[in-house]
Amino acid sequence: MQTDSNTPSVEVSISSASKVLRLLIPRSQRRKFFIQFTLMTVVGWVVGGIASIAIERTLLQALPPIILQQQPIWYWLIKLFSSIVFAVIFAADQALILRRYLSARLWLLATSAGWLIANSVSGGWINYISSIATSLDKTLSFEEMVFFGVLSTISYIGSGIWLGFLQWLVLRQNTAGAWWWSFLPSISYLCISVLVWLLPLVQNLIPEVNRTQALYLSGQGLTAVILGVIPAIGFCTLKSYSRRATTQR
């Protein structure tokens, strides 16, 4: 059978998918997300802190003091368990808001593990720096106190990279160019450190009777807000991949 040369040829449509970038948090949802994420971070900080302190005190009171003295590992295990409880609650509250945009389970795992590692690293360095200061066996001058204080602060700020790196491992699956997230927690820690240094400047405005408690609660509250606000801003700038179908003829 011959085909008439005047018969129009059949055009074949080939569908292909091209990757395009879009905001991880749509513009219409930014304000709502910002408020919800910050609020849940504060809730996680408060609830996690209360739960971890309650568990630690209960377990320490349940064990006879002689056991804690003879076997210090029990004290370390109790501290570790209370820290895990805090980290899981803190991360879970954030994951409740993030589950619409990425894997809540992976975020829970990464944030919990990152928080524990960061605290362990910063705590180890701070204890080491303190031991060096103590080994000098003399009354430290003001300049020396500032020097060791700055070293401790730097170790605290630098430990945030561990938390940011583990969170980035989760974000990189859904977002583009999120390498800078590894340093975002360190920015939060820097802001918290500045806050800690500035709070004593206003202590004279607080009645002496309630000064210690007021400074502690203010520091904890502002810390929780910073840990919510800065990552929330970061999420609003992230871009994720989406597929757009195109047709070729």
C-alpha atoms as a PDB file:
ATOM      1  CA  MET A   1       0.000   0.000   0.000  1.00  0.00           C
ATOM      2  CA  GLN A   2       1.338   3.392  -0.916  1.00  0.00           C
ATOM      3  CA  THR A   3       0.860   6.463   1.124  1.00  0.00           C
ATOM      4  CA  ASP A   4      -0.343   9.568  -0.625  1.00  0.00           C
ATOM      5  CA  SER A   5       2.401  12.160  -0.544  1.00  0.00           C
ATOM      6  CA  ASN A   6      -0.251  14.823   0.018  1.00  0.00           C
ATOM      7  CA  THR A   7      -1.410  13.213   3.300  1.00  0.00           C
ATOM      8  CA  PRO A   8      -0.265  15.306   6.267  1.00  0.00           C
ATOM      9  CA  SER A   9       2.368  13.565   8.353  1.00  0.00           C
ATOM     10  CA  VAL A  10       1.435  12.576  11.893  1.00  0.00           C
ATOM     11  CA  GLU A  11       3.109  14.674  14.578  1.00  0.00           C
ATOM     12  CA  VAL A  12       4.282  12.749  17.626  1.00  0.00           C
ATOM     13  CA  SER A  13       4.092  14.507  20.974  1.00  0.00           C
ATOM     14  CA  ILE A  14       6.886  13.667  23.332  1.00  0.00           C
ATOM     15  CA  SER A  15       6.360  14.607  26.954  1.00  0.00           C
ATOM     16  CA  SER A  16       9.388  15.344  29.026  1.00  0.00           C
ATOM     17  CA  ALA A  17       9.836  16.714  32.496  1.00  0.00           C
ATOM     18  CA  SER A  18      12.089  19.585  33.348  1.00  0.00           C
ATOM     19  CA  LYS A  19      13.065  20.596  36.829  1.00  0.00           C
ATOM     20  CA  VAL A  20      12.154  24.071  37.986  1.00  0.00           C
ATOM     21  CA  LEU A  21      12.753  25.801  41.286  1.00  0.00           C
ATOM     22  CA  ARG A  22      10.031  27.068  43.549  1.00  0.00           C
ATOM     23  CA  LEU A  23       9.970  28.362  47.101  1.00  0.00           C
ATOM     24  CA  LEU A  24       9.816  25.603  49.699  1.00  0.00           C
ATOM     25  CA  ILE A  25       7.388  27.765  51.683  1.00  0.00           C
ATOM     26  CA  PRO A  26       4.966  29.467  49.242  1.00  0.00           C
ATOM     27  CA  ARG A  27       4.662  33.213  49.666  1.00  0.00           C
ATOM     28  CA  SER A  28       1.032  32.884  50.673  1.00  0.00           C
ATOM     29  CA  GLN A  29       2.026  30.615  53.583  1.00  0.00           C
ATOM     30  CA  ARG A  30       5.110  32.443  54.824  1.00  0.00           C
ATOM     31  CA  ARG A  31       3.528  34.467  57.615  1.00  0.00           C
ATOM     32  CA  LYS A  32       1.542  31.516  58.927  1.00  0.00           C
ATOM     33  CA  PHE A  33       4.574  29.226  58.749  1.00  0.00           C
ATOM     34  CA  PHE A  34       6.821  31.777  60.477  1.00  0.00           C
ATOM     35  CA  ILE A  35       4.439  32.174  63.401  1.00  0.00           C
ATOM     36  CA  GLN A  36       3.683  28.465  63.736  1.00  0.00           C
ATOM     37  CA  PHE A  37       7.304  27.331  63.508  1.00  0.00           C
ATOM     38  CA  THR A  38       8.517  29.925  66.014  1.00  0.00           C
ATOM     39  CA  LEU A  39       5.666  29.142  68.406  1.00  0.00           C
ATOM     40  CA  MET A  40       6.208  25.373  68.231  1.00  0.00           C
ATOM     41  CA  THR A  41       9.943  25.830  68.740  1.00  0.00           C
ATOM     42  CA  VAL A  42       9.273  27.814  71.913  1.00  0.00           C
ATOM     43  CA  VAL A  43       6.767  25.183  73.071  1.00  0.00           C
ATOM     44  CA  GLY A  44       9.251  22.405  72.362  1.00  0.00           C
ATOM     45  CA  TRP A  45      11.970  24.252  74.282  1.00  0.00           C
ATOM     46  CA  VAL A  46       9.755  24.816  77.318  1.00  0.00           C
ATOM     47  CA  VAL A  47       8.052  21.400  77.392  1.00  0.00           C
ATOM     48  CA  GLY A  48      11.285  19.567  76.601  1.00  0.00           C
ATOM     49  CA  GLY A  49      13.134  21.471  79.306  1.00  0.00           C
ATOM     50  CA  ILE A  50      10.490  20.790  81.946  1.00  0.00           C
ATOM     51  CA  ALA A  51      10.260  17.097  81.002  1.00  0.00           C
ATOM     52  CA  SER A  52      14.023  16.550  80.988  1.00  0.00           C
ATOM     53  CA  ILE A  53      14.519  18.300  84.339  1.00  0.00           C
ATOM     54  CA  ALA A  54      11.653  16.339  85.917  1.00  0.00           C
ATOM     55  CA  ILE A  55      12.988  13.015  84.628  1.00  0.00           C
ATOM     56  CA  GLU A  56      16.538  13.789  85.727  1.00  0.00           C
ATOM     57  CA  ARG A  57      15.488  14.778  89.247  1.00  0.00           C
ATOM     58  CA  THR A  58      13.182  11.765  89.607  1.00  0.00           C
ATOM     59  CA  LEU A  59      15.851   9.286  88.541  1.00  0.00           C
ATOM     60  CA  LEU A  60      18.557  10.893  90.671  1.00  0.00           C
ATOM     61  CA  GLN A  61      16.316  10.791  93.717  1.00  0.00           C
ATOM     62  CA  ALA A  62      15.419   7.162  93.023  1.00  0.00           C
ATOM     63  CA  LEU A  63      19.049   6.048  93.230  1.00  0.00           C
ATOM     64  CA  PRO A  64      20.841   5.990  96.604  1.00  0.00           C
ATOM     65  CA  PRO A  65      23.596   8.633  96.812  1.00  0.00           C
ATOM     66  CA  ILE A  66      26.190   5.959  97.553  1.00  0.00           C
ATOM     67  CA  ILE A  67      25.568   4.340  94.160  1.00  0.00           C
ATOM     68  CA  LEU A  68      26.043   7.653  92.379  1.00  0.00           C
ATOM     69  CA  GLN A  69      29.299   8.197  94.260  1.00  0.00           C
ATOM     70  CA  GLN A  70      30.693   4.720  93.649  1.00  0.00           C
ATOM     71  CA  GLN A  71      29.426   4.382  90.086  1.00  0.00           C
ATOM     72  CA  PRO A  72      29.424   7.832  88.426  1.00  0.00           C
ATOM     73  CA  ILE A  73      28.372   6.247  85.124  1.00  0.00           C
ATOM     74  CA  TRP A  74      24.808   6.137  86.449  1.00  0.00           C
ATOM     75  CA  TYR A  75      24.818   9.914  86.810  1.00  0.00           C
ATOM     76  CA  TRP A  76      26.158  10.243  83.264  1.00  0.00           C
ATOM     77  CA  LEU A  77      23.510   7.867  81.875  1.00  0.00           C
ATOM     78  CA  ILE A  78      20.725   9.778  83.615  1.00  0.00           C
ATOM     79  CA  LYS A  79      22.013  13.080  82.215  1.00  0.00           C
ATOM     80  CA  LEU A  80      22.230  11.518  78.752  1.00  0.00           C
ATOM     81  CA  PHE A  81      18.699  10.130  78.947  1.00  0.00           C
ATOM     82  CA  SER A  82      17.246  13.469  80.058  1.00  0.00           C
ATOM     83  CA  SER A  83      19.099  15.201  77.205  1.00  0.00           C
ATOM     84  CA  ILE A  84      17.654  12.702  74.713  1.00  0.00           C
ATOM     85  CA  VAL A  85      14.149  13.367  76.022  1.00  0.00           C
ATOM     86  CA  PHE A  86      14.634  17.100  75.579  1.00  0.00           C
ATOM     87  CA  ALA A  87      16.097  16.755  72.078  1.00  0.00           C
ATOM     88  CA  VAL A  88      13.291  14.470  70.875  1.00  0.00           C
ATOM     89  CA  ILE A  89      10.528  16.731  72.210  1.00  0.00           C
ATOM     90  CA  PHE A  90      12.197  19.844  70.807  1.00  0.00           C
ATOM     91  CA  ALA A  91      12.684  18.277  67.362  1.00  0.00           C
ATOM     92  CA  ALA A  92       9.224  16.679  67.308  1.00  0.00           C
ATOM     93  CA  ASP A  93       7.501  20.026  67.841  1.00  0.00           C
ATOM     94  CA  GLN A  94       9.358  21.476  64.857  1.00  0.00           C
ATOM     95  CA  ALA A  95       8.629  18.383  62.756  1.00  0.00           C
ATOM     96  CA  LEU A  96       4.892  18.863  63.287  1.00  0.00           C
ATOM     97  CA  ILE A  97       5.088  22.092  61.284  1.00  0.00           C
ATOM     98  CA  LEU A  98       7.625  20.867  58.723  1.00  0.00           C
ATOM     99  CA  ARG A  99       5.821  17.650  57.783  1.00  0.00           C
ATOM    100  CA  ARG A 100       3.998  19.441  54.936  1.00  0.00           C
ATOM    101  CA  TYR A 101       7.280  20.393  53.295  1.00  0.00           C
ATOM    102  CA  LEU A 102       9.781  17.604  54.047  1.00  0.00           C
ATOM    103  CA  SER A 103      10.207  14.298  55.863  1.00  0.00           C
ATOM    104  CA  ALA A 104       9.173  14.846  59.483  1.00  0.00           C
ATOM    105  CA  ARG A 105      10.838  11.600  60.600  1.00  0.00           C
ATOM    106  CA  LEU A 106      14.186  12.518  59.088  1.00  0.00           C
ATOM    107  CA  TRP A 107      14.004  16.018  60.551  1.00  0.00           C
ATOM    108  CA  LEU A 108      13.212  14.553  63.972  1.00  0.00           C
ATOM    109  CA  LEU A 109      16.173  12.176  63.743  1.00  0.00           C
ATOM    110  CA  ALA A 110      18.626  14.737  62.364  1.00  0.00           C
ATOM    111  CA  THR A 111      17.678  17.503  64.798  1.00  0.00           C
ATOM    112  CA  SER A 112      17.716  15.208  67.839  1.00  0.00           C
ATOM    113  CA  ALA A 113      21.085  13.689  66.948  1.00  0.00           C
ATOM    114  CA  GLY A 114      22.542  17.047  65.915  1.00  0.00           C
ATOM    115  CA  TRP A 115      21.430  18.719  69.125  1.00  0.00           C
ATOM    116  CA  LEU A 116      22.991  15.975  71.261  1.00  0.00           C
ATOM    117  CA  ILE A 117      26.258  16.022  69.327  1.00  0.00           C
ATOM    118  CA  ALA A 118      26.479  19.822  69.376  1.00  0.00           C
ATOM    119  CA  ASN A 119      25.882  19.961  73.127  1.00  0.00           C
ATOM    120  CA  SER A 120      28.411  17.198  73.774  1.00  0.00           C
ATOM    121  CA  VAL A 121      31.074  18.891  71.638  1.00  0.00           C
ATOM    122  CA  SER A 122      30.526  22.350  73.129  1.00  0.00           C
ATOM    123  CA  GLY A 123      30.335  20.935  76.656  1.00  0.00           C
ATOM    124  CA  GLY A 124      33.579  19.034  76.158  1.00  0.00           C
ATOM    125  CA  TRP A 125      35.436  22.069  74.869  1.00  0.00           C
ATOM    126  CA  ILE A 126      34.049  24.357  77.569  1.00  0.00           C
ATOM    127  CA  ASN A 127      35.070  21.894  80.291  1.00  0.00           C
ATOM    128  CA  TYR A 128      38.530  21.617  78.742  1.00  0.00           C
ATOM    129  CA  ILE A 129      38.928  25.397  78.632  1.00  0.00           C
ATOM    130  CA  SER A 130      37.727  25.649  82.231  1.00  0.00           C
ATOM    131  CA  SER A 131      40.257  23.017  83.308  1.00  0.00           C
ATOM    132  CA  ILE A 132      43.045  25.042  81.689  1.00  0.00           C
ATOM    133  CA  ALA A 133      41.911  28.164  83.526  1.00  0.00           C
ATOM    134  CA  THR A 134      41.764  26.237  86.805  1.00  0.00           C
ATOM    135  CA  SER A 135      45.198  24.692  86.287  1.00  0.00           C
ATOM    136  CA  LEU A 136      46.777  28.154  86.303  1.00  0.00           C
ATOM    137  CA  ASP A 137      46.250  28.040  90.078  1.00  0.00           C
ATOM    138  CA  LYS A 138      45.845  31.765  90.471  1.00  0.00           C
ATOM    139  CA  THR A 139      43.219  34.444  90.503  1.00  0.00           C
ATOM    140  CA  LEU A 140      42.503  35.320  86.909  1.00  0.00           C
ATOM    141  CA  SER A 141      42.794  38.916  85.808  1.00  0.00           C
ATOM    142  CA  PHE A 142      39.937  40.615  83.992  1.00  0.00           C
ATOM    143  CA  GLU A 143      41.711  40.202  80.646  1.00  0.00           C
ATOM    144  CA  GLU A 144      42.266  36.485  81.278  1.00  0.00           C
ATOM    145  CA  MET A 145      38.630  35.992  82.274  1.00  0.00           C
ATOM    146  CA  VAL A 146      37.498  37.695  79.065  1.00  0.00           C
ATOM    147  CA  PHE A 147      39.938  35.584  77.028  1.00  0.00           C
ATOM    148  CA  PHE A 148      38.721  32.264  78.415  1.00  0.00           C
ATOM    149  CA  GLY A 149      35.126  33.455  78.194  1.00  0.00           C
ATOM    150  CA  VAL A 150      35.562  34.295  74.503  1.00  0.00           C
ATOM    151  CA  LEU A 151      37.137  30.866  73.868  1.00  0.00           C
ATOM    152  CA  SER A 152      34.173  29.142  75.526  1.00  0.00           C
ATOM    153  CA  THR A 153      31.747  31.247  73.495  1.00  0.00           C
ATOM    154  CA  ILE A 154      33.553  30.409  70.245  1.00  0.00           C
ATOM    155  CA  SER A 155      33.413  26.690  71.052  1.00  0.00           C
ATOM    156  CA  TYR A 156      29.681  27.004  71.755  1.00  0.00           C
ATOM    157  CA  ILE A 157      29.020  28.873  68.505  1.00  0.00           C
ATOM    158  CA  GLY A 158      31.156  26.480  66.450  1.00  0.00           C
ATOM    159  CA  SER A 159      29.342  23.417  67.790  1.00  0.00           C
ATOM    160  CA  GLY A 160      26.219  24.549  65.916  1.00  0.00           C
ATOM    161  CA  ILE A 161      27.812  23.299  62.705  1.00  0.00           C
ATOM    162  CA  TRP A 162      27.090  19.715  63.793  1.00  0.00           C
ATOM    163  CA  LEU A 163      23.391  20.455  64.138  1.00  0.00           C
ATOM    164  CA  GLY A 164      23.291  22.390  60.868  1.00  0.00           C
ATOM    165  CA  PHE A 165      25.156  19.683  58.950  1.00  0.00           C
ATOM    166  CA  LEU A 166      22.783  16.900  59.979  1.00  0.00           C
ATOM    167  CA  GLN A 167      19.780  19.069  59.182  1.00  0.00           C
ATOM    168  CA  TRP A 168      21.320  19.917  55.802  1.00  0.00           C
ATOM    169  CA  LEU A 169      21.518  16.197  54.995  1.00  0.00           C
ATOM    170  CA  VAL A 170      17.725  16.166  55.215  1.00  0.00           C
ATOM    171  CA  LEU A 171      17.168  19.444  53.382  1.00  0.00           C
ATOM    172  CA  ARG A 172      19.454  18.587  50.465  1.00  0.00           C
ATOM    173  CA  GLN A 173      16.996  15.897  49.358  1.00  0.00           C
ATOM    174  CA  ASN A 174      14.262  18.442  48.680  1.00  0.00           C
ATOM    175  CA  THR A 175      16.007  21.801  48.267  1.00  0.00           C
ATOM    176  CA  ALA A 176      18.618  23.415  46.061  1.00  0.00           C
ATOM    177  CA  GLY A 177      21.688  25.325  47.199  1.00  0.00           C
ATOM    178  CA  ALA A 178      21.039  24.764  50.896  1.00  0.00           C
ATOM    179  CA  TRP A 179      24.737  24.297  51.787  1.00  0.00           C
ATOM    180  CA  TRP A 180      24.641  27.450  53.939  1.00  0.00           C
ATOM    181  CA  TRP A 181      22.188  25.782  56.317  1.00  0.00           C
ATOM    182  CA  SER A 182      25.140  24.003  57.956  1.00  0.00           C
ATOM    183  CA  PHE A 183      26.144  27.384  59.417  1.00  0.00           C
ATOM    184  CA  LEU A 184      22.650  28.634  60.293  1.00  0.00           C
ATOM    185  CA  PRO A 185      22.521  27.150  63.836  1.00  0.00           C
ATOM    186  CA  SER A 186      25.890  28.796  64.532  1.00  0.00           C
ATOM    187  CA  ILE A 187      24.289  32.135  63.649  1.00  0.00           C
ATOM    188  CA  SER A 188      21.525  31.353  66.142  1.00  0.00           C
ATOM    189  CA  TYR A 189      24.126  30.449  68.774  1.00  0.00           C
ATOM    190  CA  LEU A 190      25.975  33.692  68.055  1.00  0.00           C
ATOM    191  CA  CYS A 191      22.813  35.727  68.655  1.00  0.00           C
ATOM    192  CA  ILE A 192      22.159  33.782  71.864  1.00  0.00           C
ATOM    193  CA  SER A 193      25.732  34.424  73.044  1.00  0.00           C
ATOM    194  CA  VAL A 194      25.381  38.152  72.403  1.00  0.00           C
ATOM    195  CA  LEU A 195      22.119  38.081  74.325  1.00  0.00           C
ATOM    196  CA  VAL A 196      23.769  36.343  77.284  1.00  0.00           C
ATOM    197  CA  TRP A 197      26.493  38.988  77.339  1.00  0.00           C
ATOM    198  CA  LEU A 198      23.963  41.832  77.183  1.00  0.00           C
ATOM    199  CA  LEU A 199      21.426  40.603  79.753  1.00  0.00           C
ATOM    200  CA  PRO A 200      23.591  41.526  82.793  1.00  0.00           C
ATOM    201  CA  LEU A 201      23.584  45.129  81.570  1.00  0.00           C
ATOM    202  CA  VAL A 202      19.889  45.439  82.427  1.00  0.00           C
ATOM    203  CA  GLN A 203      19.943  43.513  85.683  1.00  0.00           C
ATOM    204  CA  ASN A 204      19.900  46.706  87.719  1.00  0.00           C
ATOM    205  CA  LEU A 205      16.444  47.436  86.294  1.00  0.00           C
ATOM    206  CA  ILE A 206      15.093  44.273  87.937  1.00  0.00           C
ATOM    207  CA  PRO A 207      14.305  44.133  91.681  1.00  0.00           C
ATOM    208  CA  GLU A 208      17.049  42.229  93.500  1.00  0.00           C
ATOM    209  CA  VAL A 209      14.575  39.799  95.062  1.00  0.00           C
ATOM    210  CA  ASN A 210      13.494  38.438  91.655  1.00  0.00           C
ATOM    211  CA  ARG A 211      16.639  39.289  89.704  1.00  0.00           C
ATOM    212  CA  THR A 212      18.144  35.809  89.373  1.00  0.00           C
ATOM    213  CA  GLN A 213      14.896  34.122  88.391  1.00  0.00           C
ATOM    214  CA  ALA A 214      13.888  36.936  86.035  1.00  0.00           C
ATOM    215  CA  LEU A 215      17.241  36.875  84.225  1.00  0.00           C
ATOM    216  CA  TYR A 216      17.090  33.093  83.893  1.00  0.00           C
ATOM    217  CA  LEU A 217      13.542  33.058  82.525  1.00  0.00           C
ATOM    218  CA  SER A 218      14.255  35.971  80.199  1.00  0.00           C
ATOM    219  CA  GLY A 219      17.356  34.241  78.860  1.00  0.00           C
ATOM    220  CA  GLN A 220      15.543  30.964  78.299  1.00  0.00           C
ATOM    221  CA  GLY A 221      12.588  32.644  76.628  1.00  0.00           C
ATOM    222  CA  LEU A 222      14.675  34.762  74.279  1.00  0.00           C
ATOM    223  CA  THR A 223      16.880  31.762  73.485  1.00  0.00           C
ATOM    224  CA  ALA A 224      13.842  29.748  72.440  1.00  0.00           C
ATOM    225  CA  VAL A 225      12.573  32.612  70.282  1.00  0.00           C
ATOM    226  CA  ILE A 226      15.937  32.969  68.526  1.00  0.00           C
ATOM    227  CA  LEU A 227      16.079  29.220  67.863  1.00  0.00           C
ATOM    228  CA  GLY A 228      12.683  29.536  66.188  1.00  0.00           C
ATOM    229  CA  VAL A 229      12.942  32.857  64.346  1.00  0.00           C
ATOM    230  CA  ILE A 230      16.285  32.377  62.559  1.00  0.00           C
ATOM    231  CA  PRO A 231      15.523  28.888  61.144  1.00  0.00           C
ATOM    232  CA  ALA A 232      12.026  30.074  60.174  1.00  0.00           C
ATOM    233  CA  ILE A 233      13.578  32.882  58.122  1.00  0.00           C
ATOM    234  CA  GLY A 234      15.954  30.346  56.600  1.00  0.00           C
ATOM    235  CA  PHE A 235      13.104  28.050  55.571  1.00  0.00           C
ATOM    236  CA  CYS A 236      11.310  30.944  53.885  1.00  0.00           C
ATOM    237  CA  THR A 237      14.333  31.518  51.631  1.00  0.00           C
ATOM    238  CA  LEU A 238      14.873  27.880  50.617  1.00  0.00           C
ATOM    239  CA  LYS A 239      13.924  26.708  47.151  1.00  0.00           C
ATOM    240  CA  SER A 240      12.855  23.185  46.247  1.00  0.00           C
ATOM    241  CA  TYR A 241      12.705  21.214  43.006  1.00  0.00           C
ATOM    242  CA  SER A 242       9.447  20.603  41.185  1.00  0.00           C
ATOM    243  CA  ARG A 243       8.777  18.960  37.832  1.00  0.00           C
ATOM    244  CA  ARG A 244       7.054  20.825  34.998  1.00  0.00           C
ATOM    245  CA  ALA A 245       5.824  18.888  31.975  1.00  0.00           C
ATOM    246  CA  THR A 246       6.707  20.226  28.528  1.00  0.00           C
ATOM    247  CA  THR A 247       5.590  19.059  25.101  1.00  0.00           C
ATOM    248  CA  GLN A 248       7.773  18.798  22.043  1.00  0.00           C
ATOM    249  CA  ARG A 249       6.458  18.415  18.488  1.00  0.00           C
END
